[in-house]
Structures are given as C-alpha cells and as structure tokens.
Amino acid sequence: MDRLTSMAVFVKAVDLGSFAAAADAFEMSGPMVGKHVRFLEQRLGVRLLNRTTRRQSLTEAGQAYYERCRAVLTEAEAADAAASDQLTEPRGRLRVTMPALLGRHCIAPLLLKLARKYPQLELDLSFGDPIANLIDAGYDLAIRTGDLDDQSGVIARRIASQRMVVCGSRSYLRANGKPKSIDDLGQHQAVIYRRSGRVRPWLFPCEGQSPCEVVPTGRLRLDDLDAIADAATRGMGLAWLPYWLVRERLRSGALVTLFEGQPEFLYDCHALWPRSPQLPPKVRAAVDTLAAALPKLMT
C-alpha cells in the first residue's frame, strides 16, 4: 500500500471519528479503511487506535503519529500545489455546503456555470443547515450568512450582502392599510419565520446604534422562507424576506415593498475554507466567481 495514502486515510478516520465516515469521504469501503490503518500499525509495530463497537480512541503512540501525519500531509499538499502552480486550471472534487434556499437560487447556478467552464472540476454540493465544523466534515468550502462563529483553522471572506425587505400583497394592504413607519408594524399580521423553536426578530438599521428589533406577531409560523413568501403573496400577512427571494414577485406586482427609501438591513454572506499554505485552484476559482457574481443577484 502507498504509505502517504494510508496516512491520509488514518488522519481522516481520526478527524471524522469513525472508519465509516472516512470511507465515505474517500469513496472506499469500510474494510479498506481498516486495511490502511492496519498497514500502518504493522509497519510501525505499534497500535494506533483502540476500537470498540461503539467508539474509537487514539493510543498514546497514535496521538503522536496522528499529529506528525497531519504535518506531513499539509506539506505534501503544499508541495503539490507549488509544483503544479496556482494558476493551473481548477480540477478535482469540490465539496461545498450552503444554506438550502440561497444555495438553490443563487450559489448552485454560479458553481454549475463554473463547472461547465472547467471540465476537470467535480462538484459535490450539500444544501441544508450549516455544518458545525467544515474541517471535520471534510468540506472544501462553506457559504454562511449572518454572524460567524469563531472557528480555528478557517479563513473567511465576505462575498456579498443579503438585503432584507418588508413586503406584502396588494390585497392585504387594501384590507389592512399600509404601515407608514416601522412602529406601525405592531398593528399588522406577520408571517413569522420560526426556526429551532425561536422566532427571529425583524432587524432595521439605526444610525450609530445596534439594529432596531421588531418581534413580529401573527398566526402563521413557518420555518421555510419560500413558504413565507407564498403566504405573503396570498395576503396572509406582511413578511421580512431576502430581496433576491422575492425579486420576481416584486417585479410582477404580486408583492409590494414597504418603507422604500429607508435603509434596509444587510446580512453579510461569507465564504469559508480551511486554512492551508496554498489555496487550491478549485477553491480560489469558486470563491472568486461567487464574489464577482453574487452581489449582482442580491441587489
């Protein structure tokens, strides 16, 4: 067996916590992961991992070897990158995690366009809730909106700002009147976004201060922004939504924007990737593509 490959498999099994997860990451069978680890143990003459049916843990020798392996693999990747030149064409598998709606509407179309441009680039896209630790999960790139949690070993770059708008249908506004100011929102029905049991407040810029918060009230509570847009279009209440999501509804007149001319709250959108000596061309190309095109989709 190739020693460097076995070291990479061993490190991944430790990082992800199981042979099965490492097998998925390398697209190989679980028994093959075991063979790579046993190859290293037999070569070294020491046990690296203690394994039971429920958990695995590093031995003392395994911990020391794991740390050395990570350093060796990082240097090997840097050597490969330097030898192939960072201006080479993006290639290989690019694993990206992103919020579901933003991903489907904005991120994925741009990455698919990038994949058409570079035939050697493979895409592995995941749509859903944010991954707690993108390094442990094996992702090359993550897209996040809003505030970022501190993560060691991760680089973040702001690539766009998501503009939030308050909107409602003409039928709702005819029946209930049009709020003239943010203070009037308390007198109106809202279609509420609730996630993980918590109602998210509507935020509005306040000059020189923290954003003003309005806690919406209403009889509809949904955890999907697309469904909220549908309900607002049907006249069920006002909604606070990303502009890119309701752009076409606003253009067609199905929804109407409120408080035009007033500053709108912006959620920053970031790209995050694992820190490394050399940024892989596939990651650089994806981040540069998103930074160049995404702002146009969000304004």
C-alpha atoms as a PDB file:
ATOM      1  CA  MET A   1       0.000   0.000   0.000  1.00  0.00           C
ATOM      2  CA  ASP A   2       1.017   3.616  -0.539  1.00  0.00           C
ATOM      3  CA  ARG A   3       2.144   4.998   2.807  1.00  0.00           C
ATOM      4  CA  LEU A   4       1.010   8.586   2.144  1.00  0.00           C
ATOM      5  CA  THR A   5      -2.486   7.383   1.174  1.00  0.00           C
ATOM      6  CA  SER A   6      -2.676   5.244   4.306  1.00  0.00           C
ATOM      7  CA  MET A   7      -1.632   8.227   6.419  1.00  0.00           C
ATOM      8  CA  ALA A   8      -4.362  10.349   4.814  1.00  0.00           C
ATOM      9  CA  VAL A   9      -6.971   7.663   5.484  1.00  0.00           C
ATOM     10  CA  PHE A  10      -5.804   7.306   9.101  1.00  0.00           C
ATOM     11  CA  VAL A  11      -5.990  11.088   9.698  1.00  0.00           C
ATOM     12  CA  LYS A  12      -9.452  11.278   8.154  1.00  0.00           C
ATOM     13  CA  ALA A  13     -10.692   8.396  10.309  1.00  0.00           C
ATOM     14  CA  VAL A  14      -9.491  10.249  13.413  1.00  0.00           C
ATOM     15  CA  ASP A  15     -10.891  13.631  12.307  1.00  0.00           C
ATOM     16  CA  LEU A  16     -14.327  12.222  11.447  1.00  0.00           C
ATOM     17  CA  GLY A  17     -14.464   9.797  14.367  1.00  0.00           C
ATOM     18  CA  SER A  18     -15.162   6.561  12.503  1.00  0.00           C
ATOM     19  CA  PHE A  19     -13.976   4.266   9.720  1.00  0.00           C
ATOM     20  CA  ALA A  20     -17.382   4.540   8.049  1.00  0.00           C
ATOM     21  CA  ALA A  21     -17.176   8.345   7.784  1.00  0.00           C
ATOM     22  CA  ALA A  22     -13.625   8.121   6.428  1.00  0.00           C
ATOM     23  CA  ALA A  23     -14.804   5.543   3.902  1.00  0.00           C
ATOM     24  CA  ASP A  24     -17.498   7.943   2.682  1.00  0.00           C
ATOM     25  CA  ALA A  25     -15.006  10.795   2.441  1.00  0.00           C
ATOM     26  CA  PHE A  26     -12.585   8.736   0.335  1.00  0.00           C
ATOM     27  CA  GLU A  27     -15.313   6.836  -1.527  1.00  0.00           C
ATOM     28  CA  MET A  28     -13.909   3.463  -0.473  1.00  0.00           C
ATOM     29  CA  SER A  29     -15.242   0.591   1.614  1.00  0.00           C
ATOM     30  CA  GLY A  30     -15.059   0.452   5.412  1.00  0.00           C
ATOM     31  CA  PRO A  31     -12.883  -2.688   5.353  1.00  0.00           C
ATOM     32  CA  MET A  32     -10.426  -0.887   3.052  1.00  0.00           C
ATOM     33  CA  VAL A  33     -10.081   1.899   5.625  1.00  0.00           C
ATOM     34  CA  GLY A  34      -9.285  -0.779   8.188  1.00  0.00           C
ATOM     35  CA  LYS A  35      -6.622  -2.265   5.883  1.00  0.00           C
ATOM     36  CA  HIS A  36      -4.897   1.120   5.553  1.00  0.00           C
ATOM     37  CA  VAL A  37      -4.776   1.564   9.334  1.00  0.00           C
ATOM     38  CA  ARG A  38      -3.545  -1.994   9.924  1.00  0.00           C
ATOM     39  CA  PHE A  39      -0.865  -1.450   7.258  1.00  0.00           C
ATOM     40  CA  LEU A  40       0.485   1.488   9.243  1.00  0.00           C
ATOM     41  CA  GLU A  41       0.263  -0.367  12.564  1.00  0.00           C
ATOM     42  CA  GLN A  42       2.122  -3.388  11.165  1.00  0.00           C
ATOM     43  CA  ARG A  43       4.748  -1.170   9.569  1.00  0.00           C
ATOM     44  CA  LEU A  44       5.297   0.762  12.811  1.00  0.00           C
ATOM     45  CA  GLY A  45       4.885  -2.182  15.153  1.00  0.00           C
ATOM     46  CA  VAL A  46       2.501  -0.254  17.432  1.00  0.00           C
ATOM     47  CA  ARG A  47      -1.258   0.065  17.878  1.00  0.00           C
ATOM     48  CA  LEU A  48      -2.566   3.448  16.726  1.00  0.00           C
ATOM     49  CA  LEU A  49      -6.255   3.123  17.575  1.00  0.00           C
ATOM     50  CA  ASN A  50      -8.297   1.431  20.263  1.00  0.00           C
ATOM     51  CA  ARG A  51     -11.619   0.433  18.721  1.00  0.00           C
ATOM     52  CA  THR A  52     -14.827  -0.971  20.207  1.00  0.00           C
ATOM     53  CA  THR A  53     -18.252  -1.463  18.653  1.00  0.00           C
ATOM     54  CA  ARG A  54     -19.269   1.997  19.941  1.00  0.00           C
ATOM     55  CA  ARG A  55     -16.214   4.240  19.809  1.00  0.00           C
ATOM     56  CA  GLN A  56     -12.604   4.623  18.839  1.00  0.00           C
ATOM     57  CA  SER A  57      -9.762   6.454  20.527  1.00  0.00           C
ATOM     58  CA  LEU A  58      -6.120   7.139  19.807  1.00  0.00           C
ATOM     59  CA  THR A  59      -3.412   5.359  21.750  1.00  0.00           C
ATOM     60  CA  GLU A  60      -0.541   7.456  23.091  1.00  0.00           C
ATOM     61  CA  ALA A  61       1.583   6.400  20.121  1.00  0.00           C
ATOM     62  CA  GLY A  62      -1.373   7.002  17.826  1.00  0.00           C
ATOM     63  CA  GLN A  63      -1.792  10.585  19.072  1.00  0.00           C
ATOM     64  CA  ALA A  64       1.860  11.414  18.380  1.00  0.00           C
ATOM     65  CA  TYR A  65       1.724   9.720  14.968  1.00  0.00           C
ATOM     66  CA  TYR A  66      -1.543  11.481  14.077  1.00  0.00           C
ATOM     67  CA  GLU A  67      -0.034  14.927  14.730  1.00  0.00           C
ATOM     68  CA  ARG A  68       3.019  14.095  12.613  1.00  0.00           C
ATOM     69  CA  CYS A  69       0.834  12.726   9.824  1.00  0.00           C
ATOM     70  CA  ARG A  70      -1.202  15.938   9.674  1.00  0.00           C
ATOM     71  CA  ALA A  71       2.002  17.959   9.307  1.00  0.00           C
ATOM     72  CA  VAL A  72       3.340  15.621   6.612  1.00  0.00           C
ATOM     73  CA  LEU A  73       0.084  15.726   4.630  1.00  0.00           C
ATOM     74  CA  THR A  74      -0.064  19.523   4.818  1.00  0.00           C
ATOM     75  CA  GLU A  75       3.468  19.769   3.486  1.00  0.00           C
ATOM     76  CA  ALA A  76       2.709  17.240   0.744  1.00  0.00           C
ATOM     77  CA  GLU A  77      -0.314  19.258  -0.388  1.00  0.00           C
ATOM     78  CA  ALA A  78       1.747  22.451  -0.363  1.00  0.00           C
ATOM     79  CA  ALA A  79       4.469  20.766  -2.433  1.00  0.00           C
ATOM     80  CA  ASP A  80       1.900  19.534  -4.950  1.00  0.00           C
ATOM     81  CA  ALA A  81       0.344  22.981  -5.201  1.00  0.00           C
ATOM     82  CA  ALA A  82       3.704  24.688  -5.664  1.00  0.00           C
ATOM     83  CA  ALA A  83       4.753  22.183  -8.319  1.00  0.00           C
ATOM     84  CA  SER A  84       1.514  22.440 -10.287  1.00  0.00           C
ATOM     85  CA  ASP A  85       1.379  26.280  -9.979  1.00  0.00           C
ATOM     86  CA  GLN A  86      -1.634  28.041  -8.555  1.00  0.00           C
ATOM     87  CA  LEU A  87      -2.610  29.336 -11.978  1.00  0.00           C
ATOM     88  CA  THR A  88      -3.426  25.850 -13.224  1.00  0.00           C
ATOM     89  CA  GLU A  89      -6.970  25.013 -14.216  1.00  0.00           C
ATOM     90  CA  PRO A  90      -9.340  24.054 -11.338  1.00  0.00           C
ATOM     91  CA  ARG A  91      -9.788  20.308 -11.149  1.00  0.00           C
ATOM     92  CA  GLY A  92     -10.829  17.550  -8.787  1.00  0.00           C
ATOM     93  CA  ARG A  93     -13.764  17.297  -6.394  1.00  0.00           C
ATOM     94  CA  LEU A  94     -15.012  20.497  -4.765  1.00  0.00           C
ATOM     95  CA  ARG A  95     -17.213  19.846  -1.710  1.00  0.00           C
ATOM     96  CA  VAL A  96     -19.396  22.838  -0.784  1.00  0.00           C
ATOM     97  CA  THR A  97     -22.017  23.243   1.946  1.00  0.00           C
ATOM     98  CA  MET A  98     -24.544  26.094   1.810  1.00  0.00           C
ATOM     99  CA  PRO A  99     -27.972  27.203   3.091  1.00  0.00           C
ATOM    100  CA  ALA A 100     -30.702  25.424   1.122  1.00  0.00           C
ATOM    101  CA  LEU A 101     -32.643  28.330  -0.398  1.00  0.00           C
ATOM    102  CA  LEU A 102     -29.681  30.604  -1.027  1.00  0.00           C
ATOM    103  CA  GLY A 103     -27.860  27.617  -2.468  1.00  0.00           C
ATOM    104  CA  ARG A 104     -30.605  26.637  -4.889  1.00  0.00           C
ATOM    105  CA  HIS A 105     -31.441  30.168  -6.023  1.00  0.00           C
ATOM    106  CA  CYS A 106     -28.013  31.813  -6.126  1.00  0.00           C
ATOM    107  CA  ILE A 107     -24.946  29.710  -5.263  1.00  0.00           C
ATOM    108  CA  ALA A 108     -25.531  26.493  -7.219  1.00  0.00           C
ATOM    109  CA  PRO A 109     -26.262  28.222 -10.579  1.00  0.00           C
ATOM    110  CA  LEU A 110     -22.937  30.073 -10.342  1.00  0.00           C
ATOM    111  CA  LEU A 111     -20.993  26.931  -9.406  1.00  0.00           C
ATOM    112  CA  LEU A 112     -22.641  24.959 -12.213  1.00  0.00           C
ATOM    113  CA  LYS A 113     -21.538  27.655 -14.635  1.00  0.00           C
ATOM    114  CA  LEU A 114     -18.004  27.298 -13.239  1.00  0.00           C
ATOM    115  CA  ALA A 115     -18.147  23.511 -13.731  1.00  0.00           C
ATOM    116  CA  ARG A 116     -19.193  23.980 -17.373  1.00  0.00           C
ATOM    117  CA  LYS A 117     -16.144  26.189 -17.865  1.00  0.00           C
ATOM    118  CA  TYR A 118     -13.726  23.663 -16.307  1.00  0.00           C
ATOM    119  CA  PRO A 119     -14.449  20.063 -17.416  1.00  0.00           C
ATOM    120  CA  GLN A 120     -11.995  18.576 -14.872  1.00  0.00           C
ATOM    121  CA  LEU A 121     -13.843  20.138 -11.934  1.00  0.00           C
ATOM    122  CA  GLU A 122     -16.267  17.923  -9.984  1.00  0.00           C
ATOM    123  CA  LEU A 123     -18.976  19.382  -7.726  1.00  0.00           C
ATOM    124  CA  ASP A 124     -20.254  17.801  -4.515  1.00  0.00           C
ATOM    125  CA  LEU A 125     -22.875  20.243  -3.189  1.00  0.00           C
ATOM    126  CA  SER A 126     -24.754  19.975   0.108  1.00  0.00           C
ATOM    127  CA  PHE A 127     -27.880  22.047   0.796  1.00  0.00           C
ATOM    128  CA  GLY A 128     -29.143  22.463   4.353  1.00  0.00           C
ATOM    129  CA  ASP A 129     -28.384  23.690   7.834  1.00  0.00           C
ATOM    130  CA  PRO A 130     -24.832  24.899   8.489  1.00  0.00           C
ATOM    131  CA  ILE A 131     -22.246  22.265   9.352  1.00  0.00           C
ATOM    132  CA  ALA A 132     -20.786  22.874  12.818  1.00  0.00           C
ATOM    133  CA  ASN A 133     -17.191  22.316  11.711  1.00  0.00           C
ATOM    134  CA  LEU A 134     -16.433  22.269   7.997  1.00  0.00           C
ATOM    135  CA  ILE A 135     -12.931  20.848   8.515  1.00  0.00           C
ATOM    136  CA  ASP A 136     -14.177  17.844  10.487  1.00  0.00           C
ATOM    137  CA  ALA A 137     -16.966  17.337   7.936  1.00  0.00           C
ATOM    138  CA  GLY A 138     -14.473  17.308   5.072  1.00  0.00           C
ATOM    139  CA  TYR A 139     -15.771  20.312   3.104  1.00  0.00           C
ATOM    140  CA  ASP A 140     -13.557  22.462   0.902  1.00  0.00           C
ATOM    141  CA  LEU A 141     -15.857  25.479   1.089  1.00  0.00           C
ATOM    142  CA  ALA A 142     -18.841  26.694   3.115  1.00  0.00           C
ATOM    143  CA  ILE A 143     -21.236  29.569   2.453  1.00  0.00           C
ATOM    144  CA  ARG A 144     -22.709  31.310   5.505  1.00  0.00           C
ATOM    145  CA  THR A 145     -24.997  34.298   6.064  1.00  0.00           C
ATOM    146  CA  GLY A 146     -25.152  36.443   9.189  1.00  0.00           C
ATOM    147  CA  ASP A 147     -22.755  36.384  12.125  1.00  0.00           C
ATOM    148  CA  LEU A 148     -19.939  33.847  12.078  1.00  0.00           C
ATOM    149  CA  ASP A 149     -18.923  31.555  14.901  1.00  0.00           C
ATOM    150  CA  ASP A 150     -15.233  31.565  15.718  1.00  0.00           C
ATOM    151  CA  GLN A 151     -13.516  28.581  14.121  1.00  0.00           C
ATOM    152  CA  SER A 152      -9.818  27.919  14.339  1.00  0.00           C
ATOM    153  CA  GLY A 153      -8.075  26.960  11.137  1.00  0.00           C
ATOM    154  CA  VAL A 154     -10.687  28.626   8.906  1.00  0.00           C
ATOM    155  CA  ILE A 155     -10.404  31.598   6.526  1.00  0.00           C
ATOM    156  CA  ALA A 156     -13.481  33.782   5.896  1.00  0.00           C
ATOM    157  CA  ARG A 157     -14.114  36.227   3.045  1.00  0.00           C
ATOM    158  CA  ARG A 158     -17.189  38.421   2.675  1.00  0.00           C
ATOM    159  CA  ILE A 159     -18.562  37.833  -0.820  1.00  0.00           C
ATOM    160  CA  ALA A 160     -21.912  39.667  -0.777  1.00  0.00           C
ATOM    161  CA  SER A 161     -24.566  41.313   1.397  1.00  0.00           C
ATOM    162  CA  GLN A 162     -28.123  39.987   1.564  1.00  0.00           C
ATOM    163  CA  ARG A 163     -30.676  42.841   1.555  1.00  0.00           C
ATOM    164  CA  MET A 164     -33.805  42.271   3.642  1.00  0.00           C
ATOM    165  CA  VAL A 165     -37.154  43.862   2.700  1.00  0.00           C
ATOM    166  CA  VAL A 166     -40.590  44.091   4.293  1.00  0.00           C
ATOM    167  CA  CYS A 167     -43.271  43.231   1.772  1.00  0.00           C
ATOM    168  CA  GLY A 168     -46.949  42.329   1.457  1.00  0.00           C
ATOM    169  CA  SER A 169     -49.605  41.687  -1.161  1.00  0.00           C
ATOM    170  CA  ARG A 170     -51.844  44.414  -2.561  1.00  0.00           C
ATOM    171  CA  SER A 171     -54.891  42.561  -1.253  1.00  0.00           C
ATOM    172  CA  TYR A 172     -53.516  42.571   2.304  1.00  0.00           C
ATOM    173  CA  LEU A 173     -52.623  46.277   2.118  1.00  0.00           C
ATOM    174  CA  ARG A 174     -56.069  47.198   0.751  1.00  0.00           C
ATOM    175  CA  ALA A 175     -57.755  45.340   3.580  1.00  0.00           C
ATOM    176  CA  ASN A 176     -55.455  46.408   6.425  1.00  0.00           C
ATOM    177  CA  GLY A 177     -53.812  49.618   5.326  1.00  0.00           C
ATOM    178  CA  LYS A 178     -50.164  50.330   4.613  1.00  0.00           C
ATOM    179  CA  PRO A 179     -47.823  50.853   7.580  1.00  0.00           C
ATOM    180  CA  LYS A 180     -46.186  54.265   7.341  1.00  0.00           C
ATOM    181  CA  SER A 181     -43.320  53.524   9.711  1.00  0.00           C
ATOM    182  CA  ILE A 182     -41.600  50.635  11.456  1.00  0.00           C
ATOM    183  CA  ASP A 183     -43.531  51.493  14.623  1.00  0.00           C
ATOM    184  CA  ASP A 184     -46.774  50.643  12.791  1.00  0.00           C
ATOM    185  CA  LEU A 185     -45.719  47.007  12.234  1.00  0.00           C
ATOM    186  CA  GLY A 186     -47.075  46.004  15.644  1.00  0.00           C
ATOM    187  CA  GLN A 187     -50.586  46.667  14.355  1.00  0.00           C
ATOM    188  CA  HIS A 188     -50.229  44.217  11.456  1.00  0.00           C
ATOM    189  CA  GLN A 189     -50.311  40.479  10.949  1.00  0.00           C
ATOM    190  CA  ALA A 190     -46.940  38.998  10.033  1.00  0.00           C
ATOM    191  CA  VAL A 191     -45.971  35.671   8.515  1.00  0.00           C
ATOM    192  CA  ILE A 192     -43.383  34.621  11.058  1.00  0.00           C
ATOM    193  CA  TYR A 193     -40.113  32.777  10.489  1.00  0.00           C
ATOM    194  CA  ARG A 194     -39.512  30.389  13.364  1.00  0.00           C
ATOM    195  CA  ARG A 195     -36.528  28.031  13.401  1.00  0.00           C
ATOM    196  CA  SER A 196     -35.418  25.695  16.180  1.00  0.00           C
ATOM    197  CA  GLY A 197     -38.324  26.898  18.317  1.00  0.00           C
ATOM    198  CA  ARG A 198     -37.245  30.553  18.178  1.00  0.00           C
ATOM    199  CA  VAL A 199     -38.983  33.443  16.423  1.00  0.00           C
ATOM    200  CA  ARG A 200     -36.436  35.519  14.520  1.00  0.00           C
ATOM    201  CA  PRO A 201     -36.903  39.308  15.003  1.00  0.00           C
ATOM    202  CA  TRP A 202     -37.030  41.686  12.062  1.00  0.00           C
ATOM    203  CA  LEU A 203     -33.977  43.973  12.059  1.00  0.00           C
ATOM    204  CA  PHE A 204     -33.716  47.554  10.844  1.00  0.00           C
ATOM    205  CA  PRO A 205     -30.640  49.825  10.729  1.00  0.00           C
ATOM    206  CA  CYS A 206     -30.434  52.501  13.431  1.00  0.00           C
ATOM    207  CA  GLU A 207     -27.818  55.155  12.739  1.00  0.00           C
ATOM    208  CA  GLY A 208     -24.910  54.866  15.130  1.00  0.00           C
ATOM    209  CA  GLN A 209     -26.640  52.166  17.177  1.00  0.00           C
ATOM    210  CA  SER A 210     -27.319  48.449  17.181  1.00  0.00           C
ATOM    211  CA  PRO A 211     -30.081  47.373  14.774  1.00  0.00           C
ATOM    212  CA  CYS A 212     -33.655  48.017  15.904  1.00  0.00           C
ATOM    213  CA  GLU A 213     -35.524  44.779  16.545  1.00  0.00           C
ATOM    214  CA  VAL A 214     -39.201  44.201  15.833  1.00  0.00           C
ATOM    215  CA  VAL A 215     -40.659  40.924  17.096  1.00  0.00           C
ATOM    216  CA  PRO A 216     -43.406  40.085  14.583  1.00  0.00           C
ATOM    217  CA  THR A 217     -46.838  38.869  15.652  1.00  0.00           C
ATOM    218  CA  GLY A 218     -49.208  36.698  13.663  1.00  0.00           C
ATOM    219  CA  ARG A 219     -50.963  33.376  13.490  1.00  0.00           C
ATOM    220  CA  LEU A 220     -48.686  31.788  10.875  1.00  0.00           C
ATOM    221  CA  ARG A 221     -45.276  30.456  11.925  1.00  0.00           C
ATOM    222  CA  LEU A 222     -43.181  28.732   9.255  1.00  0.00           C
ATOM    223  CA  ASP A 223     -39.593  27.519   9.073  1.00  0.00           C
ATOM    224  CA  ASP A 224     -39.193  27.913   5.295  1.00  0.00           C
ATOM    225  CA  LEU A 225     -38.667  31.299   3.621  1.00  0.00           C
ATOM    226  CA  ASP A 226     -40.172  30.166   0.315  1.00  0.00           C
ATOM    227  CA  ALA A 227     -43.355  29.146   2.126  1.00  0.00           C
ATOM    228  CA  ILE A 228     -43.421  32.524   3.898  1.00  0.00           C
ATOM    229  CA  ALA A 229     -43.190  34.281   0.522  1.00  0.00           C
ATOM    230  CA  ASP A 230     -46.093  32.147  -0.751  1.00  0.00           C
ATOM    231  CA  ALA A 231     -48.221  33.002   2.282  1.00  0.00           C
ATOM    232  CA  ALA A 232     -47.483  36.719   1.967  1.00  0.00           C
ATOM    233  CA  THR A 233     -48.384  36.589  -1.735  1.00  0.00           C
ATOM    234  CA  ARG A 234     -51.748  35.066  -0.755  1.00  0.00           C
ATOM    235  CA  GLY A 235     -52.480  38.043   1.501  1.00  0.00           C
ATOM    236  CA  MET A 236     -51.900  36.261   4.823  1.00  0.00           C
ATOM    237  CA  GLY A 237     -49.703  38.987   6.294  1.00  0.00           C
ATOM    238  CA  LEU A 238     -46.517  41.013   5.917  1.00  0.00           C
ATOM    239  CA  ALA A 239     -43.156  39.298   5.568  1.00  0.00           C
ATOM    240  CA  TRP A 240     -39.474  40.189   6.090  1.00  0.00           C
ATOM    241  CA  LEU A 241     -37.511  38.387   3.402  1.00  0.00           C
ATOM    242  CA  PRO A 242     -34.296  38.499   1.344  1.00  0.00           C
ATOM    243  CA  TYR A 243     -34.729  40.676  -1.731  1.00  0.00           C
ATOM    244  CA  TRP A 244     -33.294  38.002  -4.065  1.00  0.00           C
ATOM    245  CA  LEU A 245     -36.012  35.574  -2.963  1.00  0.00           C
ATOM    246  CA  VAL A 246     -38.949  37.895  -3.754  1.00  0.00           C
ATOM    247  CA  ARG A 247     -37.415  39.886  -6.630  1.00  0.00           C
ATOM    248  CA  GLU A 248     -39.655  38.382  -9.310  1.00  0.00           C
ATOM    249  CA  ARG A 249     -42.778  38.698  -7.152  1.00  0.00           C
ATOM    250  CA  LEU A 250     -41.982  42.387  -6.629  1.00  0.00           C
ATOM    251  CA  ARG A 251     -41.410  42.963 -10.337  1.00  0.00           C
ATOM    252  CA  SER A 252     -44.696  41.266 -11.241  1.00  0.00           C
ATOM    253  CA  GLY A 253     -46.639  43.158  -8.572  1.00  0.00           C
ATOM    254  CA  ALA A 254     -47.552  40.013  -6.631  1.00  0.00           C
ATOM    255  CA  LEU A 255     -45.803  41.624  -3.652  1.00  0.00           C
ATOM    256  CA  VAL A 256     -45.163  45.266  -2.785  1.00  0.00           C
ATOM    257  CA  THR A 257     -42.115  46.604  -0.917  1.00  0.00           C
ATOM    258  CA  LEU A 258     -42.737  48.765   2.149  1.00  0.00           C
ATOM    259  CA  PHE A 259     -40.602  51.590   3.574  1.00  0.00           C
ATOM    260  CA  GLU A 260     -38.947  52.363   0.239  1.00  0.00           C
ATOM    261  CA  GLY A 261     -36.169  54.894   0.523  1.00  0.00           C
ATOM    262  CA  GLN A 262     -35.300  53.850   4.059  1.00  0.00           C
ATOM    263  CA  PRO A 263     -32.092  51.919   4.823  1.00  0.00           C
ATOM    264  CA  GLU A 264     -32.543  48.145   4.733  1.00  0.00           C
ATOM    265  CA  PHE A 265     -30.842  45.613   6.965  1.00  0.00           C
ATOM    266  CA  LEU A 266     -27.959  43.734   5.351  1.00  0.00           C
ATOM    267  CA  TYR A 267     -26.838  40.221   6.270  1.00  0.00           C
ATOM    268  CA  ASP A 268     -23.254  39.610   5.219  1.00  0.00           C
ATOM    269  CA  CYS A 269     -22.631  36.487   3.173  1.00  0.00           C
ATOM    270  CA  HIS A 270     -19.251  34.795   3.671  1.00  0.00           C
ATOM    271  CA  ALA A 271     -17.246  32.072   2.034  1.00  0.00           C
ATOM    272  CA  LEU A 272     -15.205  29.956   4.484  1.00  0.00           C
ATOM    273  CA  TRP A 273     -12.499  27.427   3.753  1.00  0.00           C
ATOM    274  CA  PRO A 274      -9.824  25.533   5.716  1.00  0.00           C
ATOM    275  CA  ARG A 275      -6.570  27.404   6.217  1.00  0.00           C
ATOM    276  CA  SER A 276      -3.719  25.896   4.185  1.00  0.00           C
ATOM    277  CA  PRO A 277      -0.274  27.014   2.948  1.00  0.00           C
ATOM    278  CA  GLN A 278      -1.583  27.175  -0.621  1.00  0.00           C
ATOM    279  CA  LEU A 279      -5.184  27.829  -1.635  1.00  0.00           C
ATOM    280  CA  PRO A 280      -6.241  25.085  -4.084  1.00  0.00           C
ATOM    281  CA  PRO A 281      -7.157  26.435  -7.553  1.00  0.00           C
ATOM    282  CA  LYS A 282     -10.642  24.877  -7.323  1.00  0.00           C
ATOM    283  CA  VAL A 283     -11.399  26.793  -4.105  1.00  0.00           C
ATOM    284  CA  ARG A 284      -9.885  30.033  -5.383  1.00  0.00           C
ATOM    285  CA  ALA A 285     -11.915  29.829  -8.597  1.00  0.00           C
ATOM    286  CA  ALA A 286     -15.159  29.159  -6.711  1.00  0.00           C
ATOM    287  CA  VAL A 287     -14.654  31.990  -4.200  1.00  0.00           C
ATOM    288  CA  ASP A 288     -13.636  34.493  -6.901  1.00  0.00           C
ATOM    289  CA  THR A 289     -16.630  33.502  -9.035  1.00  0.00           C
ATOM    290  CA  LEU A 290     -19.073  33.943  -6.152  1.00  0.00           C
ATOM    291  CA  ALA A 291     -17.514  37.250  -5.031  1.00  0.00           C
ATOM    292  CA  ALA A 292     -17.803  38.649  -8.568  1.00  0.00           C
ATOM    293  CA  ALA A 293     -21.350  37.473  -9.400  1.00  0.00           C
ATOM    294  CA  LEU A 294     -23.266  37.040  -6.151  1.00  0.00           C
ATOM    295  CA  PRO A 295     -23.654  40.748  -5.256  1.00  0.00           C
ATOM    296  CA  LYS A 296     -25.486  41.301  -8.570  1.00  0.00           C
ATOM    297  CA  LEU A 297     -28.004  38.586  -7.649  1.00  0.00           C
ATOM    298  CA  MET A 298     -28.674  40.057  -4.209  1.00  0.00           C
ATOM    299  CA  THR A 299     -29.288  43.711  -5.145  1.00  0.00           C
END
